[in-house]
């Protein structure tokens, strides 16, 4: 499992300019079953994406396809972790993942 931790490095008007393209990117990854959940940080300084990839290299590649990454809108931290415990409903969701 991986977390993409985004921190905006451009002003919010620049973030807003690329937001529709970023949302399309998210939608494609959700349809492909790669992203599990995502959202804005509070206060609005960036975002978080929880995702599932077989390898760090695949996660890195997908992260670099995000328009926010490509356009230098946000700084990204890629965190890999081994899932060892989860709520029952979340475990059922994970059973369908590759």
PDB file of N, CA and C in Angstrom:
ATOM      1  N   UNK A   1       0.851  -1.165   0.000  1.00  0.00           N
ATOM      2  CA  UNK A   1       0.000   0.000   0.000  1.00  0.00           C
ATOM      3  C   UNK A   1       0.902   1.234   0.000  1.00  0.00           C
ATOM      4  N   UNK A   2       0.340   2.318  -0.532  1.00  0.00           N
ATOM      5  CA  UNK A   2       1.090   3.557  -0.633  1.00  0.00           C
ATOM      6  C   UNK A   2       0.206   4.745  -0.287  1.00  0.00           C
ATOM      7  N   UNK A   3       0.845   5.761   0.219  1.00  0.00           N
ATOM      8  CA  UNK A   3       0.219   7.067   0.402  1.00  0.00           C
ATOM      9  C   UNK A   3       0.964   8.058  -0.464  1.00  0.00           C
ATOM     10  N   UNK A   4       0.218   8.879  -1.185  1.00  0.00           N
ATOM     11  CA  UNK A   4       0.785  10.047  -1.844  1.00  0.00           C
ATOM     12  C   UNK A   4       0.395  11.227  -0.958  1.00  0.00           C
ATOM     13  N   UNK A   5       1.371  11.909  -0.415  1.00  0.00           N
ATOM     14  CA  UNK A   5       1.124  13.102   0.395  1.00  0.00           C
ATOM     15  C   UNK A   5       1.528  14.313  -0.428  1.00  0.00           C
ATOM     16  N   UNK A   6       0.552  15.140  -0.764  1.00  0.00           N
ATOM     17  CA  UNK A   6       0.775  16.311  -1.607  1.00  0.00           C
ATOM     18  C   UNK A   6       0.814  17.564  -0.747  1.00  0.00           C
ATOM     19  N   UNK A   7       1.761  18.444  -1.037  1.00  0.00           N
ATOM     20  CA  UNK A   7       1.823  19.759  -0.408  1.00  0.00           C
ATOM     21  C   UNK A   7       1.929  20.784  -1.523  1.00  0.00           C
ATOM     22  N   UNK A   8       0.951  21.685  -1.577  1.00  0.00           N
ATOM     23  CA  UNK A   8       0.959  22.694  -2.631  1.00  0.00           C
ATOM     24  C   UNK A   8       2.181  23.596  -2.511  1.00  0.00           C
ATOM     25  N   UNK A   9       2.810  23.850  -3.644  1.00  0.00           N
ATOM     26  CA  UNK A   9       3.947  24.772  -3.671  1.00  0.00           C
ATOM     27  C   UNK A   9       3.646  25.968  -4.564  1.00  0.00           C
ATOM     28  N   UNK A  10       2.452  25.966  -5.148  1.00  0.00           N
ATOM     29  CA  UNK A  10       1.978  27.102  -5.938  1.00  0.00           C
ATOM     30  C   UNK A  10       0.746  27.681  -5.246  1.00  0.00           C
ATOM     31  N   UNK A  11       0.422  28.941  -5.525  1.00  0.00           N
ATOM     32  CA  UNK A  11      -0.766  29.559  -4.913  1.00  0.00           C
ATOM     33  C   UNK A  11      -2.059  28.846  -5.347  1.00  0.00           C
ATOM     34  N   UNK A  12      -3.089  28.975  -4.511  1.00  0.00           N
ATOM     35  CA  UNK A  12      -4.366  28.307  -4.785  1.00  0.00           C
ATOM     36  C   UNK A  12      -4.966  28.615  -6.157  1.00  0.00           C
ATOM     37  N   UNK A  13      -4.823  29.838  -6.709  1.00  0.00           N
ATOM     38  CA  UNK A  13      -5.343  30.047  -8.066  1.00  0.00           C
ATOM     39  C   UNK A  13      -4.710  29.100  -9.101  1.00  0.00           C
ATOM     40  N   UNK A  14      -3.429  28.771  -8.933  1.00  0.00           N
ATOM     41  CA  UNK A  14      -2.771  27.800  -9.821  1.00  0.00           C
ATOM     42  C   UNK A  14      -3.310  26.403  -9.573  1.00  0.00           C
ATOM     43  N   UNK A  15      -3.524  26.061  -8.295  1.00  0.00           N
ATOM     44  CA  UNK A  15      -4.122  24.765  -7.951  1.00  0.00           C
ATOM     45  C   UNK A  15      -5.476  24.642  -8.639  1.00  0.00           C
ATOM     46  N   UNK A  16      -6.306  25.667  -8.509  1.00  0.00           N
ATOM     47  CA  UNK A  16      -7.656  25.651  -9.090  1.00  0.00           C
ATOM     48  C   UNK A  16      -7.604  25.517 -10.616  1.00  0.00           C
ATOM     49  N   UNK A  17      -6.615  26.118 -11.220  1.00  0.00           N
ATOM     50  CA  UNK A  17      -6.486  26.060 -12.674  1.00  0.00           C
ATOM     51  C   UNK A  17      -6.304  24.630 -13.175  1.00  0.00           C
ATOM     52  N   UNK A  18      -5.567  23.806 -12.422  1.00  0.00           N
ATOM     53  CA  UNK A  18      -5.299  22.432 -12.828  1.00  0.00           C
ATOM     54  C   UNK A  18      -6.194  21.413 -12.127  1.00  0.00           C
ATOM     55  N   UNK A  19      -7.101  21.875 -11.275  1.00  0.00           N
ATOM     56  CA  UNK A  19      -7.966  20.961 -10.526  1.00  0.00           C
ATOM     57  C   UNK A  19      -8.834  20.080 -11.421  1.00  0.00           C
ATOM     58  N   UNK A  20      -9.485  20.594 -12.473  1.00  0.00           N
ATOM     59  CA  UNK A  20     -10.298  19.700 -13.317  1.00  0.00           C
ATOM     60  C   UNK A  20      -9.477  18.551 -13.928  1.00  0.00           C
ATOM     61  N   UNK A  21      -8.271  18.856 -14.373  1.00  0.00           N
ATOM     62  CA  UNK A  21      -7.417  17.811 -14.950  1.00  0.00           C
ATOM     63  C   UNK A  21      -6.981  16.817 -13.874  1.00  0.00           C
ATOM     64  N   UNK A  22      -6.687  17.317 -12.673  1.00  0.00           N
ATOM     65  CA  UNK A  22      -6.315  16.453 -11.547  1.00  0.00           C
ATOM     66  C   UNK A  22      -7.481  15.521 -11.200  1.00  0.00           C
ATOM     67  N   UNK A  23      -8.697  16.032 -11.204  1.00  0.00           N
ATOM     68  CA  UNK A  23      -9.873  15.214 -10.881  1.00  0.00           C
ATOM     69  C   UNK A  23     -10.081  14.137 -11.944  1.00  0.00           C
ATOM     70  N   UNK A  24      -9.861  14.455 -13.196  1.00  0.00           N
ATOM     71  CA  UNK A  24      -9.957  13.433 -14.251  1.00  0.00           C
ATOM     72  C   UNK A  24      -8.909  12.331 -14.035  1.00  0.00           C
ATOM     73  N   UNK A  25      -7.702  12.731 -13.645  1.00  0.00           N
ATOM     74  CA  UNK A  25      -6.643  11.772 -13.326  1.00  0.00           C
ATOM     75  C   UNK A  25      -7.091  10.863 -12.181  1.00  0.00           C
ATOM     76  N   UNK A  26      -7.628  11.447 -11.112  1.00  0.00           N
ATOM     77  CA  UNK A  26      -8.116  10.653  -9.984  1.00  0.00           C
ATOM     78  C   UNK A  26      -9.195   9.673 -10.437  1.00  0.00           C
ATOM     79  N   UNK A  27     -10.150  10.166 -11.210  1.00  0.00           N
ATOM     80  CA  UNK A  27     -11.256   9.321 -11.675  1.00  0.00           C
ATOM     81  C   UNK A  27     -10.746   8.115 -12.460  1.00  0.00           C
ATOM     82  N   UNK A  28      -9.757   8.321 -13.315  1.00  0.00           N
ATOM     83  CA  UNK A  28      -9.192   7.204 -14.095  1.00  0.00           C
ATOM     84  C   UNK A  28      -8.568   6.158 -13.167  1.00  0.00           C
ATOM     85  N   UNK A  29      -7.873   6.623 -12.136  1.00  0.00           N
ATOM     86  CA  UNK A  29      -7.207   5.686 -11.229  1.00  0.00           C
ATOM     87  C   UNK A  29      -8.219   4.943 -10.343  1.00  0.00           C
ATOM     88  N   UNK A  30      -9.290   5.611  -9.957  1.00  0.00           N
ATOM     89  CA  UNK A  30     -10.352   4.926  -9.214  1.00  0.00           C
ATOM     90  C   UNK A  30     -11.002   3.850 -10.080  1.00  0.00           C
ATOM     91  N   UNK A  31     -11.309   4.170 -11.325  1.00  0.00           N
ATOM     92  CA  UNK A  31     -11.922   3.184 -12.229  1.00  0.00           C
ATOM     93  C   UNK A  31     -11.003   1.980 -12.435  1.00  0.00           C
ATOM     94  N   UNK A  32      -9.702   2.213 -12.455  1.00  0.00           N
ATOM     95  CA  UNK A  32      -8.728   1.133 -12.642  1.00  0.00           C
ATOM     96  C   UNK A  32      -8.482   0.350 -11.356  1.00  0.00           C
ATOM     97  N   UNK A  33      -9.055   0.796 -10.243  1.00  0.00           N
ATOM     98  CA  UNK A  33      -8.898   0.099  -8.972  1.00  0.00           C
ATOM     99  C   UNK A  33      -7.595   0.379  -8.253  1.00  0.00           C
ATOM    100  N   UNK A  34      -6.876   1.423  -8.674  1.00  0.00           N
ATOM    101  CA  UNK A  34      -5.583   1.737  -8.052  1.00  0.00           C
ATOM    102  C   UNK A  34      -5.715   2.627  -6.822  1.00  0.00           C
ATOM    103  N   UNK A  35      -6.677   3.546  -6.844  1.00  0.00           N
ATOM    104  CA  UNK A  35      -6.849   4.478  -5.729  1.00  0.00           C
ATOM    105  C   UNK A  35      -8.014   4.022  -4.863  1.00  0.00           C
ATOM    106  N   UNK A  36      -7.823   4.112  -3.547  1.00  0.00           N
ATOM    107  CA  UNK A  36      -8.843   3.657  -2.595  1.00  0.00           C
ATOM    108  C   UNK A  36      -9.608   4.814  -1.973  1.00  0.00           C
ATOM    109  N   UNK A  37      -8.915   5.900  -1.679  1.00  0.00           N
ATOM    110  CA  UNK A  37      -9.568   7.105  -1.161  1.00  0.00           C
ATOM    111  C   UNK A  37      -8.592   8.269  -1.299  1.00  0.00           C
ATOM    112  N   UNK A  38      -9.160   9.467  -1.273  1.00  0.00           N
ATOM    113  CA  UNK A  38      -8.333  10.665  -1.424  1.00  0.00           C
ATOM    114  C   UNK A  38      -9.095  11.851  -0.867  1.00  0.00           C
ATOM    115  N   UNK A  39      -8.371  12.935  -0.606  1.00  0.00           N
ATOM    116  CA  UNK A  39      -9.023  14.143  -0.142  1.00  0.00           C
ATOM    117  C   UNK A  39      -8.034  15.252   0.146  1.00  0.00           C
ATOM    118  N   UNK A  40      -8.608  16.421   0.426  1.00  0.00           N
ATOM    119  CA  UNK A  40      -7.806  17.612   0.733  1.00  0.00           C
ATOM    120  C   UNK A  40      -7.325  17.578   2.173  1.00  0.00           C
ATOM    121  N   UNK A  41      -6.163  18.163   2.383  1.00  0.00           N
ATOM    122  CA  UNK A  41      -5.710  18.414   3.747  1.00  0.00           C
ATOM    123  C   UNK A  41      -6.512  19.588   4.302  1.00  0.00           C
ATOM    124  N   UNK A  42      -6.647  19.611   5.611  1.00  0.00           N
ATOM    125  CA  UNK A  42      -7.300  20.740   6.289  1.00  0.00           C
ATOM    126  C   UNK A  42      -6.289  21.307   7.267  1.00  0.00           C
ATOM    127  N   UNK A  43      -5.880  22.563   7.132  1.00  0.00           N
ATOM    128  CA  UNK A  43      -6.306  23.525   6.117  1.00  0.00           C
ATOM    129  C   UNK A  43      -5.833  23.094   4.729  1.00  0.00           C
ATOM    130  N   UNK A  44      -6.356  23.756   3.716  1.00  0.00           N
ATOM    131  CA  UNK A  44      -6.129  23.359   2.323  1.00  0.00           C
ATOM    132  C   UNK A  44      -4.705  23.697   1.878  1.00  0.00           C
ATOM    133  N   UNK A  45      -3.794  22.807   2.238  1.00  0.00           N
ATOM    134  CA  UNK A  45      -2.389  22.978   1.884  1.00  0.00           C
ATOM    135  C   UNK A  45      -1.891  21.867   0.969  1.00  0.00           C
ATOM    136  N   UNK A  46      -2.789  20.952   0.589  1.00  0.00           N
ATOM    137  CA  UNK A  46      -2.401  19.821  -0.238  1.00  0.00           C
ATOM    138  C   UNK A  46      -3.452  18.740  -0.156  1.00  0.00           C
ATOM    139  N   UNK A  47      -3.025  17.498  -0.330  1.00  0.00           N
ATOM    140  CA  UNK A  47      -3.962  16.389  -0.314  1.00  0.00           C
ATOM    141  C   UNK A  47      -3.283  15.084   0.048  1.00  0.00           C
ATOM    142  N   UNK A  48      -4.117  14.042   0.140  1.00  0.00           N
ATOM    143  CA  UNK A  48      -3.669  12.699   0.490  1.00  0.00           C
ATOM    144  C   UNK A  48      -4.378  11.714  -0.432  1.00  0.00           C
ATOM    145  N   UNK A  49      -3.637  10.738  -0.947  1.00  0.00           N
ATOM    146  CA  UNK A  49      -4.215   9.678  -1.774  1.00  0.00           C
ATOM    147  C   UNK A  49      -3.720   8.342  -1.220  1.00  0.00           C
ATOM    148  N   UNK A  50      -4.657   7.461  -0.883  1.00  0.00           N
ATOM    149  CA  UNK A  50      -4.327   6.100  -0.467  1.00  0.00           C
ATOM    150  C   UNK A  50      -4.485   5.212  -1.685  1.00  0.00           C
ATOM    151  N   UNK A  51      -3.446   4.450  -2.024  1.00  0.00           N
ATOM    152  CA  UNK A  51      -3.498   3.666  -3.252  1.00  0.00           C
ATOM    153  C   UNK A  51      -2.818   2.313  -3.082  1.00  0.00           C
ATOM    154  N   UNK A  52      -3.073   1.460  -4.049  1.00  0.00           N
ATOM    155  CA  UNK A  52      -2.534   0.111  -4.018  1.00  0.00           C
ATOM    156  C   UNK A  52      -1.832  -0.186  -5.342  1.00  0.00           C
ATOM    157  N   UNK A  53      -0.550  -0.455  -5.253  1.00  0.00           N
ATOM    158  CA  UNK A  53       0.258  -0.836  -6.406  1.00  0.00           C
ATOM    159  C   UNK A  53       1.137  -2.011  -6.006  1.00  0.00           C
ATOM    160  N   UNK A  54       1.456  -2.879  -6.941  1.00  0.00           N
ATOM    161  CA  UNK A  54       2.319  -4.017  -6.614  1.00  0.00           C
ATOM    162  C   UNK A  54       3.748  -3.615  -6.242  1.00  0.00           C
ATOM    163  N   UNK A  55       4.248  -2.524  -6.845  1.00  0.00           N
ATOM    164  CA  UNK A  55       5.641  -2.131  -6.595  1.00  0.00           C
ATOM    165  C   UNK A  55       5.745  -0.616  -6.393  1.00  0.00           C
ATOM    166  N   UNK A  56       6.832  -0.237  -5.750  1.00  0.00           N
ATOM    167  CA  UNK A  56       7.116   1.183  -5.543  1.00  0.00           C
ATOM    168  C   UNK A  56       7.315   1.892  -6.891  1.00  0.00           C
ATOM    169  N   UNK A  57       7.943   1.201  -7.825  1.00  0.00           N
ATOM    170  CA  UNK A  57       8.198   1.793  -9.136  1.00  0.00           C
ATOM    171  C   UNK A  57       6.882   2.138  -9.840  1.00  0.00           C
ATOM    172  N   UNK A  58       5.893   1.243  -9.749  1.00  0.00           N
ATOM    173  CA  UNK A  58       4.595   1.518 -10.371  1.00  0.00           C
ATOM    174  C   UNK A  58       3.899   2.693  -9.678  1.00  0.00           C
ATOM    175  N   UNK A  59       4.014   2.743  -8.362  1.00  0.00           N
ATOM    176  CA  UNK A  59       3.423   3.861  -7.618  1.00  0.00           C
ATOM    177  C   UNK A  59       4.091   5.173  -8.030  1.00  0.00           C
ATOM    178  N   UNK A  60       5.409   5.173  -8.114  1.00  0.00           N
ATOM    179  CA  UNK A  60       6.157   6.363  -8.512  1.00  0.00           C
ATOM    180  C   UNK A  60       5.749   6.818  -9.909  1.00  0.00           C
ATOM    181  N   UNK A  61       5.654   5.864 -10.834  1.00  0.00           N
ATOM    182  CA  UNK A  61       5.263   6.173 -12.205  1.00  0.00           C
ATOM    183  C   UNK A  61       3.875   6.819 -12.238  1.00  0.00           C
ATOM    184  N   UNK A  62       2.932   6.256 -11.494  1.00  0.00           N
ATOM    185  CA  UNK A  62       1.572   6.800 -11.488  1.00  0.00           C
ATOM    186  C   UNK A  62       1.545   8.177 -10.832  1.00  0.00           C
ATOM    187  N   UNK A  63       2.305   8.346  -9.766  1.00  0.00           N
ATOM    188  CA  UNK A  63       2.379   9.640  -9.093  1.00  0.00           C
ATOM    189  C   UNK A  63       2.861  10.722 -10.063  1.00  0.00           C
ATOM    190  N   UNK A  64       3.840  10.387 -10.877  1.00  0.00           N
ATOM    191  CA  UNK A  64       4.411  11.353 -11.814  1.00  0.00           C
ATOM    192  C   UNK A  64       3.462  11.703 -12.956  1.00  0.00           C
ATOM    193  N   UNK A  65       2.395  10.922 -13.136  1.00  0.00           N
ATOM    194  CA  UNK A  65       1.397  11.223 -14.162  1.00  0.00           C
ATOM    195  C   UNK A  65       0.345  12.224 -13.681  1.00  0.00           C
ATOM    196  N   UNK A  66       0.309  12.489 -12.392  1.00  0.00           N
ATOM    197  CA  UNK A  66      -0.655  13.452 -11.855  1.00  0.00           C
ATOM    198  C   UNK A  66      -0.326  14.842 -12.404  1.00  0.00           C
ATOM    199  N   UNK A  67      -1.323  15.550 -12.943  1.00  0.00           N
ATOM    200  CA  UNK A  67      -1.071  16.904 -13.450  1.00  0.00           C
ATOM    201  C   UNK A  67      -0.477  17.837 -12.393  1.00  0.00           C
ATOM    202  N   UNK A  68      -0.847  17.659 -11.131  1.00  0.00           N
ATOM    203  CA  UNK A  68      -0.263  18.495 -10.078  1.00  0.00           C
ATOM    204  C   UNK A  68       1.240  18.248  -9.958  1.00  0.00           C
ATOM    205  N   UNK A  69       1.674  17.008 -10.156  1.00  0.00           N
ATOM    206  CA  UNK A  69       3.106  16.688 -10.139  1.00  0.00           C
ATOM    207  C   UNK A  69       3.756  17.240 -11.397  1.00  0.00           C
ATOM    208  N   UNK A  70       3.163  16.893 -12.533  1.00  0.00           N
ATOM    209  CA  UNK A  70       3.737  17.265 -13.839  1.00  0.00           C
ATOM    210  C   UNK A  70       3.902  18.774 -13.995  1.00  0.00           C
ATOM    211  N   UNK A  71       2.951  19.548 -13.487  1.00  0.00           N
ATOM    212  CA  UNK A  71       2.975  21.007 -13.634  1.00  0.00           C
ATOM    213  C   UNK A  71       3.666  21.714 -12.460  1.00  0.00           C
ATOM    214  N   UNK A  72       4.212  20.946 -11.528  1.00  0.00           N
ATOM    215  CA  UNK A  72       4.911  21.552 -10.395  1.00  0.00           C
ATOM    216  C   UNK A  72       3.986  22.289  -9.438  1.00  0.00           C
ATOM    217  N   UNK A  73       2.744  21.846  -9.344  1.00  0.00           N
ATOM    218  CA  UNK A  73       1.767  22.481  -8.458  1.00  0.00           C
ATOM    219  C   UNK A  73       1.995  22.046  -7.013  1.00  0.00           C
ATOM    220  N   UNK A  74       2.407  20.776  -6.831  1.00  0.00           N
ATOM    221  CA  UNK A  74       2.562  20.226  -5.491  1.00  0.00           C
ATOM    222  C   UNK A  74       3.864  19.446  -5.383  1.00  0.00           C
ATOM    223  N   UNK A  75       4.376  19.414  -4.163  1.00  0.00           N
ATOM    224  CA  UNK A  75       5.503  18.536  -3.817  1.00  0.00           C
ATOM    225  C   UNK A  75       4.874  17.234  -3.327  1.00  0.00           C
ATOM    226  N   UNK A  76       5.448  16.108  -3.676  1.00  0.00           N
ATOM    227  CA  UNK A  76       4.899  14.804  -3.335  1.00  0.00           C
ATOM    228  C   UNK A  76       5.837  14.037  -2.422  1.00  0.00           C
ATOM    229  N   UNK A  77       5.239  13.350  -1.466  1.00  0.00           N
ATOM    230  CA  UNK A  77       5.968  12.377  -0.666  1.00  0.00           C
ATOM    231  C   UNK A  77       5.298  11.038  -0.911  1.00  0.00           C
ATOM    232  N   UNK A  78       6.069  10.035  -1.272  1.00  0.00           N
ATOM    233  CA  UNK A  78       5.566   8.692  -1.512  1.00  0.00           C
ATOM    234  C   UNK A  78       5.909   7.843  -0.291  1.00  0.00           C
ATOM    235  N   UNK A  79       4.876   7.371   0.400  1.00  0.00           N
ATOM    236  CA  UNK A  79       5.063   6.578   1.611  1.00  0.00           C
ATOM    237  C   UNK A  79       4.558   5.165   1.337  1.00  0.00           C
ATOM    238  N   UNK A  80       5.444   4.183   1.456  1.00  0.00           N
ATOM    239  CA  UNK A  80       5.050   2.785   1.318  1.00  0.00           C
ATOM    240  C   UNK A  80       4.867   2.209   2.711  1.00  0.00           C
ATOM    241  N   UNK A  81       3.801   1.405   2.881  1.00  0.00           N
ATOM    242  CA  UNK A  81       3.609   0.773   4.187  1.00  0.00           C
ATOM    243  C   UNK A  81       2.991  -0.599   4.011  1.00  0.00           C
ATOM    244  N   UNK A  82       3.254  -1.461   4.988  1.00  0.00           N
ATOM    245  CA  UNK A  82       2.683  -2.805   5.014  1.00  0.00           C
ATOM    246  C   UNK A  82       1.437  -2.756   5.879  1.00  0.00           C
ATOM    247  N   UNK A  83       0.310  -3.003   5.281  1.00  0.00           N
ATOM    248  CA  UNK A  83      -0.955  -2.994   6.000  1.00  0.00           C
ATOM    249  C   UNK A  83      -0.996  -4.194   6.935  1.00  0.00           C
ATOM    250  N   UNK A  84      -1.130  -3.944   8.223  1.00  0.00           N
ATOM    251  CA  UNK A  84      -1.147  -5.038   9.189  1.00  0.00           C
ATOM    252  C   UNK A  84      -2.469  -5.143   9.934  1.00  0.00           C
ATOM    253  N   UNK A  85      -3.278  -4.102   9.917  1.00  0.00           N
ATOM    254  CA  UNK A  85      -4.549  -4.121  10.620  1.00  0.00           C
ATOM    255  C   UNK A  85      -5.478  -3.126   9.945  1.00  0.00           C
ATOM    256  N   UNK A  86      -6.779  -3.482   9.870  1.00  0.00           N
ATOM    257  CA  UNK A  86      -7.753  -2.594   9.250  1.00  0.00           C
ATOM    258  C   UNK A  86      -9.133  -2.884   9.823  1.00  0.00           C
ATOM    259  N   UNK A  87     -10.007  -1.899   9.769  1.00  0.00           N
ATOM    260  CA  UNK A  87     -11.398  -2.080  10.182  1.00  0.00           C
ATOM    261  C   UNK A  87     -12.050  -3.124   9.284  1.00  0.00           C
ATOM    262  N   UNK A  88     -13.072  -3.797   9.807  1.00  0.00           N
ATOM    263  CA  UNK A  88     -13.724  -4.889   9.078  1.00  0.00           C
ATOM    264  C   UNK A  88     -14.203  -4.466   7.691  1.00  0.00           C
ATOM    265  N   UNK A  89     -14.887  -3.346   7.585  1.00  0.00           N
ATOM    266  CA  UNK A  89     -15.368  -2.892   6.286  1.00  0.00           C
ATOM    267  C   UNK A  89     -14.240  -2.611   5.315  1.00  0.00           C
ATOM    268  N   UNK A  90     -13.159  -2.082   5.802  1.00  0.00           N
ATOM    269  CA  UNK A  90     -12.008  -1.798   4.960  1.00  0.00           C
ATOM    270  C   UNK A  90     -11.355  -3.099   4.498  1.00  0.00           C
ATOM    271  N   UNK A  91     -11.300  -4.083   5.369  1.00  0.00           N
ATOM    272  CA  UNK A  91     -10.730  -5.385   4.987  1.00  0.00           C
ATOM    273  C   UNK A  91     -11.526  -6.002   3.839  1.00  0.00           C
ATOM    274  N   UNK A  92     -12.861  -5.878   3.869  1.00  0.00           N
ATOM    275  CA  UNK A  92     -13.688  -6.423   2.781  1.00  0.00           C
ATOM    276  C   UNK A  92     -13.373  -5.705   1.470  1.00  0.00           C
ATOM    277  N   UNK A  93     -13.163  -4.398   1.537  1.00  0.00           N
ATOM    278  CA  UNK A  93     -12.800  -3.632   0.342  1.00  0.00           C
ATOM    279  C   UNK A  93     -11.483  -4.133  -0.223  1.00  0.00           C
ATOM    280  N   UNK A  94     -10.514  -4.388   0.640  1.00  0.00           N
ATOM    281  CA  UNK A  94      -9.184  -4.808   0.195  1.00  0.00           C
ATOM    282  C   UNK A  94      -9.171  -6.199  -0.408  1.00  0.00           C
ATOM    283  N   UNK A  95     -10.119  -7.039  -0.062  1.00  0.00           N
ATOM    284  CA  UNK A  95     -10.141  -8.403  -0.595  1.00  0.00           C
ATOM    285  C   UNK A  95     -10.291  -8.423  -2.105  1.00  0.00           C
ATOM    286  N   UNK A  96     -10.905  -7.403  -2.671  1.00  0.00           N
ATOM    287  CA  UNK A  96     -11.079  -7.357  -4.113  1.00  0.00           C
ATOM    288  C   UNK A  96      -9.901  -6.790  -4.867  1.00  0.00           C
ATOM    289  N   UNK A  97      -8.854  -6.371  -4.155  1.00  0.00           N
ATOM    290  CA  UNK A  97      -7.700  -5.760  -4.810  1.00  0.00           C
ATOM    291  C   UNK A  97      -6.728  -6.822  -5.288  1.00  0.00           C
ATOM    292  N   UNK A  98      -5.967  -6.482  -6.346  1.00  0.00           N
ATOM    293  CA  UNK A  98      -4.960  -7.438  -6.859  1.00  0.00           C
ATOM    294  C   UNK A  98      -3.836  -7.648  -5.865  1.00  0.00           C
TER     295      UNK A  98
END
